[in-house]
Amino acid sequence: EKLGQMKKVLAIPPDFTRFHSQAGLLTSFIYKYYKE
């Protein structure tokens, strides 16, 4: 919310070798927040 709404978002999470980083969960939050 501090970043605010965006027109276009690119997420760059780590790959599967960093599975335990919780980046997948964070990316899911980004998807739910920013939608399309």
PDB file of all heavy atoms in Angstrom:
ATOM      1  N   GLU A   1       0.822  -1.205   0.000  1.00  0.00           N
ATOM      2  CA  GLU A   1       0.000   0.000   0.000  1.00  0.00           C
ATOM      3  C   GLU A   1       0.859   1.260   0.000  1.00  0.00           C
ATOM      4  O   GLU A   1       0.490   2.258  -0.602  1.00  0.00           O
ATOM      5  CB  GLU A   1      -0.960   0.001   1.183  1.00  0.00           C
ATOM      6  CG  GLU A   1      -2.112  -0.970   0.994  1.00  0.00           C
ATOM      7  CD  GLU A   1      -3.095  -0.946   2.146  1.00  0.00           C
ATOM      8  OE1 GLU A   1      -3.019  -0.025   2.985  1.00  0.00           O
ATOM      9  OE2 GLU A   1      -3.935  -1.846   2.182  1.00  0.00           O
ATOM     10  N   LYS A   2       2.017   1.207   0.658  1.00  0.00           N
ATOM     11  CA  LYS A   2       2.912   2.367   0.664  1.00  0.00           C
ATOM     12  C   LYS A   2       3.438   2.669  -0.732  1.00  0.00           C
ATOM     13  O   LYS A   2       3.694   3.810  -1.069  1.00  0.00           O
ATOM     14  CB  LYS A   2       4.070   2.141   1.635  1.00  0.00           C
ATOM     15  CG  LYS A   2       3.672   2.246   3.078  1.00  0.00           C
ATOM     16  CD  LYS A   2       4.877   2.111   3.987  1.00  0.00           C
ATOM     17  CE  LYS A   2       4.467   2.233   5.429  1.00  0.00           C
ATOM     18  NZ  LYS A   2       5.612   2.161   6.338  1.00  0.00           N
ATOM     19  N   LEU A   3       3.614   1.626  -1.543  1.00  0.00           N
ATOM     20  CA  LEU A   3       4.051   1.831  -2.923  1.00  0.00           C
ATOM     21  C   LEU A   3       2.919   2.370  -3.772  1.00  0.00           C
ATOM     22  O   LEU A   3       3.149   3.050  -4.757  1.00  0.00           O
ATOM     23  CB  LEU A   3       4.553   0.517  -3.525  1.00  0.00           C
ATOM     24  CG  LEU A   3       5.803  -0.079  -2.906  1.00  0.00           C
ATOM     25  CD1 LEU A   3       6.077  -1.457  -3.508  1.00  0.00           C
ATOM     26  CD2 LEU A   3       6.995   0.834  -3.114  1.00  0.00           C
ATOM     27  N   GLY A   4       1.708   2.040  -3.410  1.00  0.00           N
ATOM     28  CA  GLY A   4       0.544   2.521  -4.136  1.00  0.00           C
ATOM     29  C   GLY A   4       0.234   1.687  -5.363  1.00  0.00           C
ATOM     30  O   GLY A   4       0.932   0.727  -5.690  1.00  0.00           O
ATOM     31  N   GLN A   5      -0.848   2.063  -6.021  1.00  0.00           N
ATOM     32  CA  GLN A   5      -1.249   1.358  -7.225  1.00  0.00           C
ATOM     33  C   GLN A   5      -0.281   1.669  -8.366  1.00  0.00           C
ATOM     34  O   GLN A   5       0.269   2.758  -8.445  1.00  0.00           O
ATOM     35  CB  GLN A   5      -2.676   1.754  -7.626  1.00  0.00           C
ATOM     36  CG  GLN A   5      -3.723   1.215  -6.673  1.00  0.00           C
ATOM     37  CD  GLN A   5      -3.717  -0.310  -6.627  1.00  0.00           C
ATOM     38  OE1 GLN A   5      -3.641  -0.986  -7.644  1.00  0.00           O
ATOM     39  NE2 GLN A   5      -3.766  -0.848  -5.417  1.00  0.00           N
ATOM     40  N   MET A   6      -0.081   0.696  -9.217  1.00  0.00           N
ATOM     41  CA  MET A   6       0.814   0.825 -10.363  1.00  0.00           C
ATOM     42  C   MET A   6       0.052   0.447 -11.627  1.00  0.00           C
ATOM     43  O   MET A   6      -0.884  -0.344 -11.580  1.00  0.00           O
ATOM     44  CB  MET A   6       2.019  -0.111 -10.217  1.00  0.00           C
ATOM     45  CG  MET A   6       2.821   0.078  -8.964  1.00  0.00           C
ATOM     46  SD  MET A   6       3.794   1.582  -9.092  1.00  0.00           S
ATOM     47  CE  MET A   6       4.386   1.715  -7.420  1.00  0.00           C
ATOM     48  N   LYS A   7       0.481   1.008 -12.748  1.00  0.00           N
ATOM     49  CA  LYS A   7      -0.132   0.652 -14.027  1.00  0.00           C
ATOM     50  C   LYS A   7       0.430  -0.651 -14.563  1.00  0.00           C
ATOM     51  O   LYS A   7      -0.268  -1.417 -15.219  1.00  0.00           O
ATOM     52  CB  LYS A   7       0.089   1.770 -15.047  1.00  0.00           C
ATOM     53  CG  LYS A   7      -0.631   3.043 -14.702  1.00  0.00           C
ATOM     54  CD  LYS A   7      -0.355   4.099 -15.741  1.00  0.00           C
ATOM     55  CE  LYS A   7      -1.005   5.417 -15.320  1.00  0.00           C
ATOM     56  NZ  LYS A   7      -0.693   6.489 -16.256  1.00  0.00           N
ATOM     57  N   LYS A   8       1.721  -0.873 -14.318  1.00  0.00           N
ATOM     58  CA  LYS A   8       2.387  -2.059 -14.846  1.00  0.00           C
ATOM     59  C   LYS A   8       3.469  -2.494 -13.867  1.00  0.00           C
ATOM     60  O   LYS A   8       4.300  -1.686 -13.465  1.00  0.00           O
ATOM     61  CB  LYS A   8       2.995  -1.744 -16.216  1.00  0.00           C
ATOM     62  CG  LYS A   8       3.411  -2.945 -16.998  1.00  0.00           C
ATOM     63  CD  LYS A   8       3.796  -2.549 -18.422  1.00  0.00           C
ATOM     64  CE  LYS A   8       4.166  -3.770 -19.210  1.00  0.00           C
ATOM     65  NZ  LYS A   8       4.545  -3.446 -20.576  1.00  0.00           N
ATOM     66  N   VAL A   9       3.459  -3.778 -13.505  1.00  0.00           N
ATOM     67  CA  VAL A   9       4.393  -4.289 -12.507  1.00  0.00           C
ATOM     68  C   VAL A   9       5.137  -5.495 -13.069  1.00  0.00           C
ATOM     69  O   VAL A   9       4.523  -6.386 -13.675  1.00  0.00           O
ATOM     70  CB  VAL A   9       3.646  -4.701 -11.214  1.00  0.00           C
ATOM     71  CG1 VAL A   9       4.601  -5.332 -10.210  1.00  0.00           C
ATOM     72  CG2 VAL A   9       2.929  -3.507 -10.610  1.00  0.00           C
ATOM     73  N   LEU A  10       6.438  -5.515 -12.860  1.00  0.00           N
ATOM     74  CA  LEU A  10       7.292  -6.655 -13.178  1.00  0.00           C
ATOM     75  C   LEU A  10       7.867  -7.157 -11.867  1.00  0.00           C
ATOM     76  O   LEU A  10       8.480  -6.395 -11.122  1.00  0.00           O
ATOM     77  CB  LEU A  10       8.434  -6.244 -14.114  1.00  0.00           C
ATOM     78  CG  LEU A  10       9.611  -7.221 -14.246  1.00  0.00           C
ATOM     79  CD1 LEU A  10       9.168  -8.511 -14.943  1.00  0.00           C
ATOM     80  CD2 LEU A  10      10.753  -6.572 -15.003  1.00  0.00           C
ATOM     81  N   ALA A  11       7.651  -8.433 -11.570  1.00  0.00           N
ATOM     82  CA  ALA A  11       8.231  -9.038 -10.365  1.00  0.00           C
ATOM     83  C   ALA A  11       9.421  -9.895 -10.784  1.00  0.00           C
ATOM     84  O   ALA A  11       9.355 -10.612 -11.784  1.00  0.00           O
ATOM     85  CB  ALA A  11       7.189  -9.896  -9.653  1.00  0.00           C
ATOM     86  N   ILE A  12      10.513  -9.812 -10.015  1.00  0.00           N
ATOM     87  CA  ILE A  12      11.715 -10.595 -10.301  1.00  0.00           C
ATOM     88  C   ILE A  12      12.093 -11.375  -9.035  1.00  0.00           C
ATOM     89  O   ILE A  12      12.971 -10.969  -8.280  1.00  0.00           O
ATOM     90  CB  ILE A  12      12.883  -9.697 -10.779  1.00  0.00           C
ATOM     91  CG1 ILE A  12      12.438  -8.842 -11.952  1.00  0.00           C
ATOM     92  CG2 ILE A  12      14.094 -10.557 -11.156  1.00  0.00           C
ATOM     93  CD1 ILE A  12      13.471  -7.867 -12.449  1.00  0.00           C
ATOM     94  N   PRO A  13      11.403 -12.485  -8.801  1.00  0.00           N
ATOM     95  CA  PRO A  13      11.740 -13.309  -7.639  1.00  0.00           C
ATOM     96  C   PRO A  13      12.890 -14.258  -7.968  1.00  0.00           C
ATOM     97  O   PRO A  13      13.210 -14.469  -9.138  1.00  0.00           O
ATOM     98  CB  PRO A  13      10.449 -14.104  -7.416  1.00  0.00           C
ATOM     99  CG  PRO A  13       9.911 -14.277  -8.802  1.00  0.00           C
ATOM    100  CD  PRO A  13      10.253 -12.991  -9.530  1.00  0.00           C
ATOM    101  N   PRO A  14      13.499 -14.858  -6.954  1.00  0.00           N
ATOM    102  CA  PRO A  14      14.512 -15.880  -7.240  1.00  0.00           C
ATOM    103  C   PRO A  14      13.848 -17.128  -7.824  1.00  0.00           C
ATOM    104  O   PRO A  14      12.632 -17.284  -7.764  1.00  0.00           O
ATOM    105  CB  PRO A  14      15.130 -16.166  -5.870  1.00  0.00           C
ATOM    106  CG  PRO A  14      14.105 -15.737  -4.888  1.00  0.00           C
ATOM    107  CD  PRO A  14      13.324 -14.630  -5.527  1.00  0.00           C
ATOM    108  N   ASP A  15      14.654 -18.009  -8.380  1.00  0.00           N
ATOM    109  CA  ASP A  15      14.128 -19.239  -8.978  1.00  0.00           C
ATOM    110  C   ASP A  15      13.944 -20.323  -7.919  1.00  0.00           C
ATOM    111  O   ASP A  15      14.074 -20.083  -6.723  1.00  0.00           O
ATOM    112  CB  ASP A  15      15.017 -19.702 -10.135  1.00  0.00           C
ATOM    113  CG  ASP A  15      16.364 -20.234  -9.671  1.00  0.00           C
ATOM    114  OD1 ASP A  15      16.681 -20.136  -8.473  1.00  0.00           O
ATOM    115  OD2 ASP A  15      17.105 -20.758 -10.508  1.00  0.00           O
ATOM    116  N   PHE A  16      13.642 -21.527  -8.376  1.00  0.00           N
ATOM    117  CA  PHE A  16      13.301 -22.636  -7.479  1.00  0.00           C
ATOM    118  C   PHE A  16      14.447 -23.030  -6.557  1.00  0.00           C
ATOM    119  O   PHE A  16      14.209 -23.589  -5.488  1.00  0.00           O
ATOM    120  CB  PHE A  16      12.841 -23.846  -8.297  1.00  0.00           C
ATOM    121  CG  PHE A  16      12.136 -24.870  -7.466  1.00  0.00           C
ATOM    122  CD1 PHE A  16      10.846 -24.659  -7.018  1.00  0.00           C
ATOM    123  CD2 PHE A  16      12.764 -26.047  -7.124  1.00  0.00           C
ATOM    124  CE1 PHE A  16      10.187 -25.591  -6.240  1.00  0.00           C
ATOM    125  CE2 PHE A  16      12.118 -27.001  -6.346  1.00  0.00           C
ATOM    126  CZ  PHE A  16      10.825 -26.762  -5.898  1.00  0.00           C
ATOM    127  N   THR A  17      15.686 -22.719  -6.941  1.00  0.00           N
ATOM    128  CA  THR A  17      16.809 -23.060  -6.060  1.00  0.00           C
ATOM    129  C   THR A  17      16.750 -22.271  -4.752  1.00  0.00           C
ATOM    130  O   THR A  17      17.453 -22.593  -3.809  1.00  0.00           O
ATOM    131  CB  THR A  17      18.173 -22.814  -6.742  1.00  0.00           C
ATOM    132  OG1 THR A  17      18.302 -21.423  -7.036  1.00  0.00           O
ATOM    133  CG2 THR A  17      18.309 -23.641  -8.016  1.00  0.00           C
ATOM    134  N   ARG A  18      15.921 -21.254  -4.696  1.00  0.00           N
ATOM    135  CA  ARG A  18      15.721 -20.444  -3.490  1.00  0.00           C
ATOM    136  C   ARG A  18      14.293 -20.620  -2.966  1.00  0.00           C
ATOM    137  O   ARG A  18      13.688 -19.706  -2.415  1.00  0.00           O
ATOM    138  CB  ARG A  18      15.993 -18.959  -3.769  1.00  0.00           C
ATOM    139  CG  ARG A  18      17.368 -18.663  -4.321  1.00  0.00           C
ATOM    140  CD  ARG A  18      18.463 -18.955  -3.290  1.00  0.00           C
ATOM    141  NE  ARG A  18      19.772 -18.588  -3.775  1.00  0.00           N
ATOM    142  CZ  ARG A  18      20.623 -19.432  -4.363  1.00  0.00           C
ATOM    143  NH1 ARG A  18      20.288 -20.678  -4.567  1.00  0.00           N
ATOM    144  NH2 ARG A  18      21.807 -19.024  -4.765  1.00  0.00           N
ATOM    145  N   PHE A  19      13.753 -21.812  -3.145  1.00  0.00           N
ATOM    146  CA  PHE A  19      12.377 -22.119  -2.761  1.00  0.00           C
ATOM    147  C   PHE A  19      12.077 -21.698  -1.326  1.00  0.00           C
ATOM    148  O   PHE A  19      11.033 -21.127  -1.035  1.00  0.00           O
ATOM    149  CB  PHE A  19      12.101 -23.620  -2.943  1.00  0.00           C
ATOM    150  CG  PHE A  19      10.769 -24.054  -2.435  1.00  0.00           C
ATOM    151  CD1 PHE A  19       9.630 -23.814  -3.185  1.00  0.00           C
ATOM    152  CD2 PHE A  19      10.639 -24.684  -1.209  1.00  0.00           C
ATOM    153  CE1 PHE A  19       8.385 -24.197  -2.719  1.00  0.00           C
ATOM    154  CE2 PHE A  19       9.406 -25.077  -0.733  1.00  0.00           C
ATOM    155  CZ  PHE A  19       8.277 -24.830  -1.497  1.00  0.00           C
ATOM    156  N   HIS A  20      12.976 -21.967  -0.404  1.00  0.00           N
ATOM    157  CA  HIS A  20      12.731 -21.712   1.017  1.00  0.00           C
ATOM    158  C   HIS A  20      12.829 -20.237   1.399  1.00  0.00           C
ATOM    159  O   HIS A  20      12.612 -19.875   2.555  1.00  0.00           O
ATOM    160  CB  HIS A  20      13.677 -22.553   1.880  1.00  0.00           C
ATOM    161  CG  HIS A  20      13.429 -24.020   1.699  1.00  0.00           C
ATOM    162  ND1 HIS A  20      12.302 -24.639   2.174  1.00  0.00           N
ATOM    163  CD2 HIS A  20      14.133 -24.976   1.060  1.00  0.00           C
ATOM    164  CE1 HIS A  20      12.324 -25.913   1.861  1.00  0.00           C
ATOM    165  NE2 HIS A  20      13.435 -26.153   1.176  1.00  0.00           N
ATOM    166  N   SER A  21      13.095 -19.370   0.435  1.00  0.00           N
ATOM    167  CA  SER A  21      13.191 -17.935   0.718  1.00  0.00           C
ATOM    168  C   SER A  21      11.831 -17.291   0.980  1.00  0.00           C
ATOM    169  O   SER A  21      11.766 -16.151   1.419  1.00  0.00           O
ATOM    170  CB  SER A  21      13.848 -17.220  -0.456  1.00  0.00           C
ATOM    171  OG  SER A  21      12.954 -17.226  -1.576  1.00  0.00           O
ATOM    172  N   GLN A  22      10.767 -18.002   0.684  1.00  0.00           N
ATOM    173  CA  GLN A  22       9.393 -17.477   0.771  1.00  0.00           C
ATOM    174  C   GLN A  22       9.088 -16.469  -0.337  1.00  0.00           C
ATOM    175  O   GLN A  22       8.080 -15.761  -0.283  1.00  0.00           O
ATOM    176  CB  GLN A  22       9.094 -16.872   2.153  1.00  0.00           C
ATOM    177  CG  GLN A  22       9.227 -17.861   3.294  1.00  0.00           C
ATOM    178  CD  GLN A  22       8.272 -19.040   3.158  1.00  0.00           C
ATOM    179  OE1 GLN A  22       7.100 -18.867   2.881  1.00  0.00           O
ATOM    180  NE2 GLN A  22       8.794 -20.244   3.337  1.00  0.00           N
ATOM    181  N   ALA A  23       9.942 -16.396  -1.352  1.00  0.00           N
ATOM    182  CA  ALA A  23       9.700 -15.480  -2.465  1.00  0.00           C
ATOM    183  C   ALA A  23       8.435 -15.865  -3.228  1.00  0.00           C
ATOM    184  O   ALA A  23       7.754 -15.001  -3.775  1.00  0.00           O
ATOM    185  CB  ALA A  23      10.895 -15.463  -3.414  1.00  0.00           C
ATOM    186  N   GLY A  24       8.122 -17.149  -3.258  1.00  0.00           N
ATOM    187  CA  GLY A  24       6.884 -17.585  -3.914  1.00  0.00           C
ATOM    188  C   GLY A  24       5.668 -17.013  -3.222  1.00  0.00           C
ATOM    189  O   GLY A  24       4.735 -16.507  -3.874  1.00  0.00           O
ATOM    190  N   LEU A  25       5.671 -17.049  -1.900  1.00  0.00           N
ATOM    191  CA  LEU A  25       4.568 -16.482  -1.116  1.00  0.00           C
ATOM    192  C   LEU A  25       4.480 -14.974  -1.333  1.00  0.00           C
ATOM    193  O   LEU A  25       3.383 -14.423  -1.538  1.00  0.00           O
ATOM    194  CB  LEU A  25       4.771 -16.808   0.361  1.00  0.00           C
ATOM    195  CG  LEU A  25       3.716 -16.292   1.326  1.00  0.00           C
ATOM    196  CD1 LEU A  25       2.354 -16.902   1.017  1.00  0.00           C
ATOM    197  CD2 LEU A  25       4.128 -16.589   2.758  1.00  0.00           C
ATOM    198  N   LEU A  26       5.620 -14.305  -1.315  1.00  0.00           N
ATOM    199  CA  LEU A  26       5.628 -12.857  -1.544  1.00  0.00           C
ATOM    200  C   LEU A  26       5.122 -12.508  -2.941  1.00  0.00           C
ATOM    201  O   LEU A  26       4.376 -11.536  -3.123  1.00  0.00           O
ATOM    202  CB  LEU A  26       7.034 -12.292  -1.332  1.00  0.00           C
ATOM    203  CG  LEU A  26       7.561 -12.371   0.104  1.00  0.00           C
ATOM    204  CD1 LEU A  26       9.018 -11.949   0.154  1.00  0.00           C
ATOM    205  CD2 LEU A  26       6.722 -11.531   1.035  1.00  0.00           C
ATOM    206  N   THR A  27       5.511 -13.304  -3.929  1.00  0.00           N
ATOM    207  CA  THR A  27       5.041 -13.070  -5.297  1.00  0.00           C
ATOM    208  C   THR A  27       3.533 -13.288  -5.374  1.00  0.00           C
ATOM    209  O   THR A  27       2.828 -12.559  -6.088  1.00  0.00           O
ATOM    210  CB  THR A  27       5.793 -13.979  -6.285  1.00  0.00           C
ATOM    211  OG1 THR A  27       7.196 -13.748  -6.137  1.00  0.00           O
ATOM    212  CG2 THR A  27       5.395 -13.689  -7.717  1.00  0.00           C
ATOM    213  N   SER A  28       3.021 -14.259  -4.643  1.00  0.00           N
ATOM    214  CA  SER A  28       1.574 -14.487  -4.590  1.00  0.00           C
ATOM    215  C   SER A  28       0.860 -13.269  -4.001  1.00  0.00           C
ATOM    216  O   SER A  28      -0.203 -12.876  -4.483  1.00  0.00           O
ATOM    217  CB  SER A  28       1.246 -15.722  -3.757  1.00  0.00           C
ATOM    218  OG  SER A  28       1.752 -16.875  -4.370  1.00  0.00           O
ATOM    219  N   PHE A  29       1.441 -12.672  -2.964  1.00  0.00           N
ATOM    220  CA  PHE A  29       0.866 -11.450  -2.386  1.00  0.00           C
ATOM    221  C   PHE A  29       0.845 -10.323  -3.418  1.00  0.00           C
ATOM    222  O   PHE A  29      -0.127  -9.578  -3.520  1.00  0.00           O
ATOM    223  CB  PHE A  29       1.645 -10.993  -1.156  1.00  0.00           C
ATOM    224  CG  PHE A  29       1.513 -11.877   0.049  1.00  0.00           C
ATOM    225  CD1 PHE A  29       2.520 -11.895   0.994  1.00  0.00           C
ATOM    226  CD2 PHE A  29       0.411 -12.693   0.252  1.00  0.00           C
ATOM    227  CE1 PHE A  29       2.428 -12.703   2.123  1.00  0.00           C
ATOM    228  CE2 PHE A  29       0.301 -13.497   1.373  1.00  0.00           C
ATOM    229  CZ  PHE A  29       1.317 -13.501   2.315  1.00  0.00           C
ATOM    230  N   ILE A  30       1.944 -10.202  -4.164  1.00  0.00           N
ATOM    231  CA  ILE A  30       2.026  -9.170  -5.209  1.00  0.00           C
ATOM    232  C   ILE A  30       0.939  -9.394  -6.249  1.00  0.00           C
ATOM    233  O   ILE A  30       0.252  -8.457  -6.669  1.00  0.00           O
ATOM    234  CB  ILE A  30       3.427  -9.158  -5.856  1.00  0.00           C
ATOM    235  CG1 ILE A  30       4.452  -8.644  -4.842  1.00  0.00           C
ATOM    236  CG2 ILE A  30       3.451  -8.314  -7.125  1.00  0.00           C
ATOM    237  CD1 ILE A  30       5.894  -8.858  -5.267  1.00  0.00           C
ATOM    238  N   TYR A  31       0.758 -10.639  -6.652  1.00  0.00           N
ATOM    239  CA  TYR A  31      -0.284 -10.968  -7.637  1.00  0.00           C
ATOM    240  C   TYR A  31      -1.676 -10.612  -7.103  1.00  0.00           C
ATOM    241  O   TYR A  31      -2.482  -9.997  -7.805  1.00  0.00           O
ATOM    242  CB  TYR A  31      -0.210 -12.452  -8.004  1.00  0.00           C
ATOM    243  CG  TYR A  31      -1.356 -12.907  -8.861  1.00  0.00           C
ATOM    244  CD1 TYR A  31      -1.501 -12.452 -10.166  1.00  0.00           C
ATOM    245  CD2 TYR A  31      -2.303 -13.783  -8.356  1.00  0.00           C
ATOM    246  CE1 TYR A  31      -2.569 -12.863 -10.958  1.00  0.00           C
ATOM    247  CE2 TYR A  31      -3.368 -14.204  -9.136  1.00  0.00           C
ATOM    248  CZ  TYR A  31      -3.500 -13.740 -10.428  1.00  0.00           C
ATOM    249  OH  TYR A  31      -4.553 -14.139 -11.201  1.00  0.00           O
ATOM    250  N   LYS A  32      -1.962 -10.955  -5.865  1.00  0.00           N
ATOM    251  CA  LYS A  32      -3.278 -10.671  -5.282  1.00  0.00           C
ATOM    252  C   LYS A  32      -3.501  -9.166  -5.126  1.00  0.00           C
ATOM    253  O   LYS A  32      -4.613  -8.679  -5.296  1.00  0.00           O
ATOM    254  CB  LYS A  32      -3.424 -11.365  -3.937  1.00  0.00           C
ATOM    255  CG  LYS A  32      -3.584 -12.861  -4.070  1.00  0.00           C
ATOM    256  CD  LYS A  32      -3.629 -13.533  -2.715  1.00  0.00           C
ATOM    257  CE  LYS A  32      -3.654 -15.044  -2.902  1.00  0.00           C
ATOM    258  NZ  LYS A  32      -3.475 -15.771  -1.645  1.00  0.00           N
ATOM    259  N   TYR A  33      -2.455  -8.426  -4.825  1.00  0.00           N
ATOM    260  CA  TYR A  33      -2.596  -6.986  -4.613  1.00  0.00           C
ATOM    261  C   TYR A  33      -2.713  -6.227  -5.941  1.00  0.00           C
ATOM    262  O   TYR A  33      -3.589  -5.389  -6.110  1.00  0.00           O
ATOM    263  CB  TYR A  33      -1.418  -6.452  -3.802  1.00  0.00           C
ATOM    264  CG  TYR A  33      -1.552  -4.985  -3.470  1.00  0.00           C
ATOM    265  CD1 TYR A  33      -2.340  -4.574  -2.405  1.00  0.00           C
ATOM    266  CD2 TYR A  33      -0.898  -4.020  -4.219  1.00  0.00           C
ATOM    267  CE1 TYR A  33      -2.480  -3.229  -2.096  1.00  0.00           C
ATOM    268  CE2 TYR A  33      -1.032  -2.668  -3.917  1.00  0.00           C
ATOM    269  CZ  TYR A  33      -1.819  -2.288  -2.862  1.00  0.00           C
ATOM    270  OH  TYR A  33      -1.954  -0.957  -2.572  1.00  0.00           O
ATOM    271  N   TYR A  34      -1.823  -6.519  -6.865  1.00  0.00           N
ATOM    272  CA  TYR A  34      -1.766  -5.740  -8.102  1.00  0.00           C
ATOM    273  C   TYR A  34      -2.652  -6.298  -9.219  1.00  0.00           C
ATOM    274  O   TYR A  34      -2.878  -5.614 -10.211  1.00  0.00           O
ATOM    275  CB  TYR A  34      -0.320  -5.607  -8.594  1.00  0.00           C
ATOM    276  CG  TYR A  34       0.465  -4.622  -7.769  1.00  0.00           C
ATOM    277  CD1 TYR A  34       1.476  -5.043  -6.935  1.00  0.00           C
ATOM    278  CD2 TYR A  34       0.180  -3.269  -7.816  1.00  0.00           C
ATOM    279  CE1 TYR A  34       2.195  -4.135  -6.167  1.00  0.00           C
ATOM    280  CE2 TYR A  34       0.881  -2.353  -7.060  1.00  0.00           C
ATOM    281  CZ  TYR A  34       1.886  -2.793  -6.235  1.00  0.00           C
ATOM    282  OH  TYR A  34       2.579  -1.883  -5.481  1.00  0.00           O
ATOM    283  N   LYS A  35      -3.110  -7.513  -9.093  1.00  0.00           N
ATOM    284  CA  LYS A  35      -3.998  -8.152 -10.067  1.00  0.00           C
ATOM    285  C   LYS A  35      -3.461  -7.994 -11.488  1.00  0.00           C
ATOM    286  O   LYS A  35      -2.335  -8.375 -11.770  1.00  0.00           O
ATOM    287  CB  LYS A  35      -5.410  -7.626  -9.901  1.00  0.00           C
ATOM    288  CG  LYS A  35      -5.989  -7.900  -8.523  1.00  0.00           C
ATOM    289  CD  LYS A  35      -7.347  -7.286  -8.377  1.00  0.00           C
ATOM    290  CE  LYS A  35      -7.955  -7.515  -7.022  1.00  0.00           C
ATOM    291  NZ  LYS A  35      -7.329  -6.853  -5.921  1.00  0.00           N
ATOM    292  N   GLU A  36      -4.264  -7.428 -12.389  1.00  0.00           N
ATOM    293  CA  GLU A  36      -3.860  -7.347 -13.803  1.00  0.00           C
ATOM    294  C   GLU A  36      -2.707  -6.387 -14.057  1.00  0.00           C
ATOM    295  O   GLU A  36      -2.112  -6.392 -15.134  1.00  0.00           O
ATOM    296  CB  GLU A  36      -5.051  -6.998 -14.705  1.00  0.00           C
ATOM    297  CG  GLU A  36      -5.641  -5.632 -14.477  1.00  0.00           C
ATOM    298  CD  GLU A  36      -6.663  -5.594 -13.332  1.00  0.00           C
ATOM    299  OE1 GLU A  36      -7.078  -6.638 -12.833  1.00  0.00           O
ATOM    300  OE2 GLU A  36      -7.014  -4.476 -12.944  1.00  0.00           O
TER     301      GLU A  36
END
